[in-house]
Amino acid sequence: MAGVLYIVGTPIGNLDDLSIRAAKILRSVAAVACEDTRQTAKLMDVAGAHRPLLSLHEHNEAERTQELVDRILSGDDLALVSDAGTPLISDPGFRLVEAAATAGIRVSPIPGASAVLSALSVSGLPTDHFAFIGFLPHKSAARQKLFETWGAVEATLVFFESPHRILESLDEIALQFPARQLAAARELTKVYEEVLRGSAAEIAAVLRARPSVKGEFTLVMSRQSAEQSKANLADPMELREEVDRLIATGASRMDAIKQAAKRAGLNKREAYAMLEQEKD
């Protein structure tokens, strides 16, 4: 009889968050697949689990997946963990779960911590509809395109960002969505846990005043409501003010019109005509 693949959620910083059930599963399986064996070894000590650790990361997942599937098919129960949080959420494991499910193997979730849900729960922003976007792109142009695409979605947005690029990303959000409210969560569940709330410009100002910026960030950004979108589309004066604001930040007139048009749901020609009409 085939074994079971357990997807085990692990703490995102505080080892006390390891659930009783998760520890029980880690003690019972034949082996544990993990990103970093050194990191997971600490977790296994806390769980009192002395089981073999098998590395499974983005560089070897394709090659190791079949080996793990074969072990489960032969009768071994295996667990999959990430370095922190729920596996597969911006972490390796998709290929393994997909292959296991295709092979008819039972894949069972062992719920645990998640930076996405933890940040949402303390953000102070609506959580009835939200979208998790994952890590923001490294390049500015790709980030701006992503913000333009997802910024029009009527849902609270959640991003991951590193301390090395957080200020650049906040500056870009401030340029594109100056009125949006954000929560920037860092070091959740750890000693220096912090949640900064406000506009992107306000949060960036707080971080810039510090000697250094540390900790991985989970950014939660408020949605644009349908009412706001319609208001922007119908009000030439607001469009003019947005163009002027963008020009004041250094954008050329044509770039400012293009950006303002996208936010209002217009093409550039429609926005230009509206501005000319408002000027007359």
Protein backbone atom coordinates (compact mmCIF):
# COMPACT_ATOMS: atom_id res chain seq x y z
CA MET A 1 0.00 0.00 0.00
CA ALA A 2 1.27 3.47 -0.86
CA GLY A 3 2.25 5.86 1.87
CA VAL A 4 1.12 9.45 2.45
CA LEU A 5 2.76 12.77 1.58
CA TYR A 6 2.19 15.24 4.42
CA ILE A 7 2.52 18.97 3.68
CA VAL A 8 3.54 20.35 7.05
CA GLY A 9 3.24 24.03 7.94
CA THR A 10 6.11 25.22 10.13
CA PRO A 11 6.75 28.36 12.23
CA ILE A 12 7.62 31.59 10.42
CA GLY A 13 9.95 32.71 13.18
CA ASN A 14 8.81 31.54 16.59
CA LEU A 15 9.45 27.83 17.12
CA ASP A 16 6.73 27.74 19.78
CA ASP A 17 4.23 28.00 16.92
CA LEU A 18 4.95 24.43 15.82
CA SER A 19 1.66 22.59 16.34
CA ILE A 20 1.31 19.43 18.37
CA ARG A 21 -0.01 17.62 15.31
CA ALA A 22 2.88 18.83 13.10
CA ALA A 23 5.42 17.57 15.65
CA LYS A 24 3.61 14.22 15.82
CA ILE A 25 3.72 13.84 12.03
CA LEU A 26 7.42 14.76 11.85
CA ARG A 27 8.15 12.04 14.43
CA SER A 28 6.13 9.43 12.56
CA VAL A 29 7.26 9.72 8.92
CA ALA A 30 10.10 7.79 7.29
CA ALA A 31 11.86 10.97 6.14
CA VAL A 32 11.37 14.72 5.75
CA ALA A 33 11.96 16.63 2.51
CA CYS A 34 13.11 20.20 3.16
CA GLU A 35 14.78 23.23 1.60
CA ASP A 36 17.72 23.57 4.00
CA THR A 37 18.64 20.52 6.09
CA ARG A 38 20.52 22.69 8.62
CA GLN A 39 17.49 24.90 9.20
CA THR A 40 15.08 21.99 9.43
CA ALA A 41 17.38 20.13 11.83
CA LYS A 42 16.64 22.83 14.45
CA LEU A 43 12.91 22.33 13.95
CA MET A 44 13.27 18.55 14.22
CA ASP A 45 15.05 18.96 17.56
CA VAL A 46 12.14 21.03 18.87
CA ALA A 47 9.70 18.38 17.64
CA GLY A 48 11.75 15.57 19.14
CA ALA A 49 11.82 14.01 15.69
CA HIS A 50 14.91 12.05 14.66
CA ARG A 51 14.23 11.26 11.01
CA PRO A 52 16.39 11.48 7.88
CA LEU A 53 16.31 14.84 6.10
CA LEU A 54 16.25 14.98 2.30
CA SER A 55 17.10 18.23 0.53
CA LEU A 56 14.42 19.48 -1.88
CA HIS A 57 14.97 22.95 -3.28
CA GLU A 58 14.47 24.87 -6.52
CA HIS A 59 17.71 23.52 -8.00
CA ASN A 60 17.07 19.80 -7.46
CA GLU A 61 13.28 19.47 -7.21
CA ALA A 62 12.84 18.27 -10.80
CA GLU A 63 15.42 15.50 -10.35
CA ARG A 64 14.44 14.42 -6.82
CA THR A 65 10.66 14.36 -7.28
CA GLN A 66 10.43 10.92 -8.89
CA GLU A 67 12.72 9.43 -6.24
CA LEU A 68 10.40 10.68 -3.49
CA VAL A 69 7.25 9.58 -5.32
CA ASP A 70 8.73 6.08 -5.72
CA ARG A 71 9.44 5.92 -1.98
CA ILE A 72 5.86 6.85 -1.14
CA LEU A 73 4.49 4.35 -3.65
CA SER A 74 6.62 1.67 -1.97
CA GLY A 75 4.89 2.39 1.36
CA ASP A 76 6.88 5.17 3.05
CA ASP A 77 5.12 8.15 4.60
CA LEU A 78 7.05 11.37 3.86
CA ALA A 79 6.68 14.95 5.06
CA LEU A 80 7.43 18.11 3.11
CA VAL A 81 8.39 21.29 4.97
CA SER A 82 9.76 24.68 3.93
CA ASP A 83 12.27 26.77 5.85
CA ALA A 84 9.39 28.80 7.28
CA GLY A 85 5.63 28.79 6.88
CA THR A 86 3.37 26.73 4.65
CA PRO A 87 5.17 24.77 1.89
CA LEU A 88 4.59 25.76 -1.77
CA ILE A 89 3.62 29.36 -0.87
CA SER A 90 6.50 30.99 -2.78
CA ASP A 91 8.57 27.92 -1.80
CA PRO A 92 9.54 24.67 -3.59
CA GLY A 93 7.25 21.65 -3.61
CA PHE A 94 4.80 22.13 -6.45
CA ARG A 95 6.40 19.51 -8.69
CA LEU A 96 6.38 16.97 -5.87
CA VAL A 97 2.75 17.55 -4.93
CA GLU A 98 1.67 17.52 -8.58
CA ALA A 99 3.52 14.26 -9.24
CA ALA A 100 2.18 12.65 -6.06
CA ALA A 101 -1.40 13.60 -6.88
CA THR A 102 -0.99 12.33 -10.45
CA ALA A 103 0.31 9.01 -9.08
CA GLY A 104 -2.78 8.65 -6.91
CA ILE A 105 -0.91 9.27 -3.67
CA ARG A 106 -2.81 10.79 -0.76
CA VAL A 107 -1.51 14.31 -0.09
CA SER A 108 -2.54 15.57 3.33
CA PRO A 109 -2.15 19.14 4.69
CA ILE A 110 -0.95 19.72 8.24
CA PRO A 111 -1.92 23.39 8.72
CA GLY A 112 0.53 25.82 10.24
CA ALA A 113 1.81 29.37 10.11
CA SER A 114 1.63 31.54 6.99
CA ALA A 115 3.19 34.98 6.61
CA VAL A 116 0.44 35.89 4.13
CA LEU A 117 -2.45 35.22 6.50
CA SER A 118 -0.57 36.51 9.54
CA ALA A 119 0.11 39.86 7.86
CA LEU A 120 -3.46 40.12 6.57
CA SER A 121 -4.88 39.47 10.02
CA VAL A 122 -3.03 42.42 11.59
CA SER A 123 -3.02 44.78 8.59
CA GLY A 124 -6.19 46.66 9.47
CA LEU A 125 -7.25 46.35 5.82
CA PRO A 126 -10.24 44.47 4.36
CA THR A 127 -9.71 40.71 4.16
CA ASP A 128 -12.96 39.58 2.53
CA HIS A 129 -11.25 39.54 -0.89
CA PHE A 130 -7.48 39.35 -1.25
CA ALA A 131 -4.87 38.23 -3.77
CA PHE A 132 -1.41 36.92 -2.95
CA ILE A 133 1.09 38.01 -5.62
CA GLY A 134 4.26 36.50 -4.13
CA PHE A 135 7.73 38.04 -4.36
CA LEU A 136 7.93 41.28 -6.29
CA PRO A 137 10.18 41.25 -9.40
CA HIS A 138 13.77 42.41 -8.98
CA LYS A 139 13.63 44.93 -11.83
CA SER A 140 11.81 48.23 -11.54
CA ALA A 141 10.09 48.03 -14.93
CA ALA A 142 8.67 44.60 -14.11
CA ARG A 143 7.45 45.82 -10.72
CA GLN A 144 5.71 48.83 -12.22
CA LYS A 145 4.00 46.65 -14.80
CA LEU A 146 2.86 44.28 -12.06
CA PHE A 147 1.48 47.17 -9.99
CA GLU A 148 -0.40 48.50 -13.02
CA THR A 149 -1.92 45.09 -13.71
CA TRP A 150 -2.89 44.12 -10.18
CA GLY A 151 -3.62 47.62 -8.92
CA ALA A 152 -6.96 47.64 -10.73
CA VAL A 153 -8.13 44.44 -9.02
CA GLU A 154 -10.82 45.01 -6.40
CA ALA A 155 -9.01 43.00 -3.74
CA THR A 156 -6.50 43.63 -1.00
CA LEU A 157 -3.07 42.71 -2.38
CA VAL A 158 -0.25 40.89 -0.57
CA PHE A 159 3.39 40.95 -1.71
CA PHE A 160 6.70 39.67 -0.37
CA GLU A 161 9.72 41.99 -0.59
CA SER A 162 13.32 41.87 0.62
CA PRO A 163 14.88 44.54 2.88
CA HIS A 164 17.26 45.42 0.02
CA ARG A 165 14.47 46.52 -2.36
CA ILE A 166 11.68 47.56 0.00
CA LEU A 167 12.35 51.31 -0.34
CA GLU A 168 12.40 51.16 -4.15
CA SER A 169 9.13 49.25 -4.20
CA LEU A 170 7.46 51.62 -1.75
CA ASP A 171 8.59 54.60 -3.85
CA GLU A 172 7.03 53.03 -6.94
CA ILE A 173 3.79 52.28 -5.11
CA ALA A 174 3.74 55.86 -3.81
CA LEU A 175 4.10 57.14 -7.36
CA GLN A 176 1.38 54.95 -8.81
CA PHE A 177 -1.02 54.74 -5.85
CA PRO A 178 -0.40 57.70 -3.53
CA ALA A 179 -3.70 57.34 -1.70
CA ARG A 180 -3.61 53.59 -1.09
CA GLN A 181 -3.15 52.42 2.49
CA LEU A 182 -0.56 49.76 3.26
CA ALA A 183 0.66 47.61 6.09
CA ALA A 184 4.33 46.62 6.00
CA ALA A 185 4.92 43.66 8.31
CA ARG A 186 8.40 42.45 9.23
CA GLU A 187 9.81 39.90 11.65
CA LEU A 188 6.33 38.53 12.39
CA THR A 189 6.23 36.27 15.48
CA LYS A 190 9.84 37.20 16.30
CA VAL A 191 11.31 39.45 18.99
CA TYR A 192 11.39 42.54 16.77
CA GLU A 193 7.96 42.04 15.22
CA GLU A 194 6.67 45.24 13.63
CA VAL A 195 3.76 46.37 11.48
CA LEU A 196 3.96 49.83 9.88
CA ARG A 197 0.71 51.29 8.57
CA GLY A 198 0.04 54.26 6.32
CA SER A 199 0.59 55.34 2.74
CA ALA A 200 3.60 53.99 0.84
CA ALA A 201 5.31 57.39 1.14
CA GLU A 202 4.73 57.51 4.90
CA ILE A 203 6.10 54.03 5.46
CA ALA A 204 9.12 54.73 3.22
CA ALA A 205 9.87 57.87 5.23
CA VAL A 206 9.89 55.90 8.49
CA LEU A 207 12.25 53.28 7.07
CA ARG A 208 14.58 55.87 5.50
CA ALA A 209 15.05 57.50 8.90
CA ARG A 210 16.66 54.31 10.23
CA PRO A 211 20.35 53.44 9.99
CA SER A 212 19.46 50.23 8.16
CA VAL A 213 16.42 48.25 7.07
CA LYS A 214 16.29 44.62 8.19
CA GLY A 215 13.91 41.68 7.92
CA GLU A 216 11.85 40.24 5.11
CA PHE A 217 8.68 42.24 4.46
CA THR A 218 5.11 41.20 3.77
CA LEU A 219 3.31 44.15 2.17
CA VAL A 220 -0.46 44.38 2.31
CA MET A 221 -2.02 47.05 0.05
CA SER A 222 -5.60 48.26 0.06
CA ARG A 223 -7.78 47.73 -2.99
CA GLN A 224 -9.19 50.26 -5.41
CA SER A 225 -12.93 50.10 -5.10
CA ALA A 226 -15.26 50.17 -8.10
CA GLU A 227 -16.57 53.51 -6.84
CA GLN A 228 -13.08 55.03 -6.80
CA SER A 229 -12.38 53.77 -10.29
CA LYS A 230 -15.62 55.22 -11.64
CA ALA A 231 -15.00 58.52 -9.86
CA ASN A 232 -11.55 58.82 -11.40
CA LEU A 233 -12.93 58.04 -14.83
CA ALA A 234 -15.69 60.66 -14.59
CA ASP A 235 -13.73 63.59 -13.12
CA PRO A 236 -11.42 65.52 -15.51
CA MET A 237 -10.22 67.74 -12.66
CA GLU A 238 -8.95 64.70 -10.73
CA LEU A 239 -7.21 63.50 -13.87
CA ARG A 240 -5.52 66.89 -14.28
CA GLU A 241 -4.42 66.89 -10.64
CA GLU A 242 -2.96 63.41 -11.01
CA VAL A 243 -1.01 64.44 -14.14
CA ASP A 244 0.34 67.53 -12.35
CA ARG A 245 1.34 65.44 -9.36
CA LEU A 246 3.24 62.96 -11.53
CA ILE A 247 5.02 65.77 -13.39
CA ALA A 248 6.04 67.26 -10.04
CA THR A 249 7.73 63.96 -9.15
CA GLY A 250 9.86 64.09 -12.31
CA ALA A 251 7.74 62.33 -14.95
CA SER A 252 7.53 63.86 -18.41
CA ARG A 253 4.15 65.23 -19.46
CA MET A 254 3.45 62.34 -21.84
CA ASP A 255 4.51 59.71 -19.28
CA ALA A 256 2.36 61.43 -16.65
CA ILE A 257 -0.68 61.37 -18.96
CA LYS A 258 -0.05 57.72 -19.79
CA GLN A 259 0.23 56.68 -16.13
CA ALA A 260 -2.77 58.77 -15.04
CA ALA A 261 -4.83 57.34 -17.89
CA LYS A 262 -4.12 53.75 -16.86
CA ARG A 263 -5.17 54.45 -13.29
CA ALA A 264 -8.41 56.01 -14.51
CA GLY A 265 -9.20 53.17 -16.88
CA LEU A 266 -8.64 55.30 -20.01
CA ASN A 267 -6.35 55.02 -22.98
CA LYS A 268 -3.86 57.84 -23.56
CA ARG A 269 -5.93 59.45 -26.34
CA GLU A 270 -9.06 59.56 -24.16
CA ALA A 271 -7.12 61.07 -21.27
CA TYR A 272 -5.52 63.70 -23.51
CA ALA A 273 -8.91 64.69 -24.92
CA MET A 274 -10.37 64.93 -21.42
CA LEU A 275 -7.50 67.14 -20.28
CA GLU A 276 -7.89 69.44 -23.26
CA GLN A 277 -11.62 69.70 -22.59
CA GLU A 278 -11.00 70.44 -18.91
CA LYS A 279 -8.46 73.13 -19.87
CA ASP A 280 -10.95 74.85 -22.18
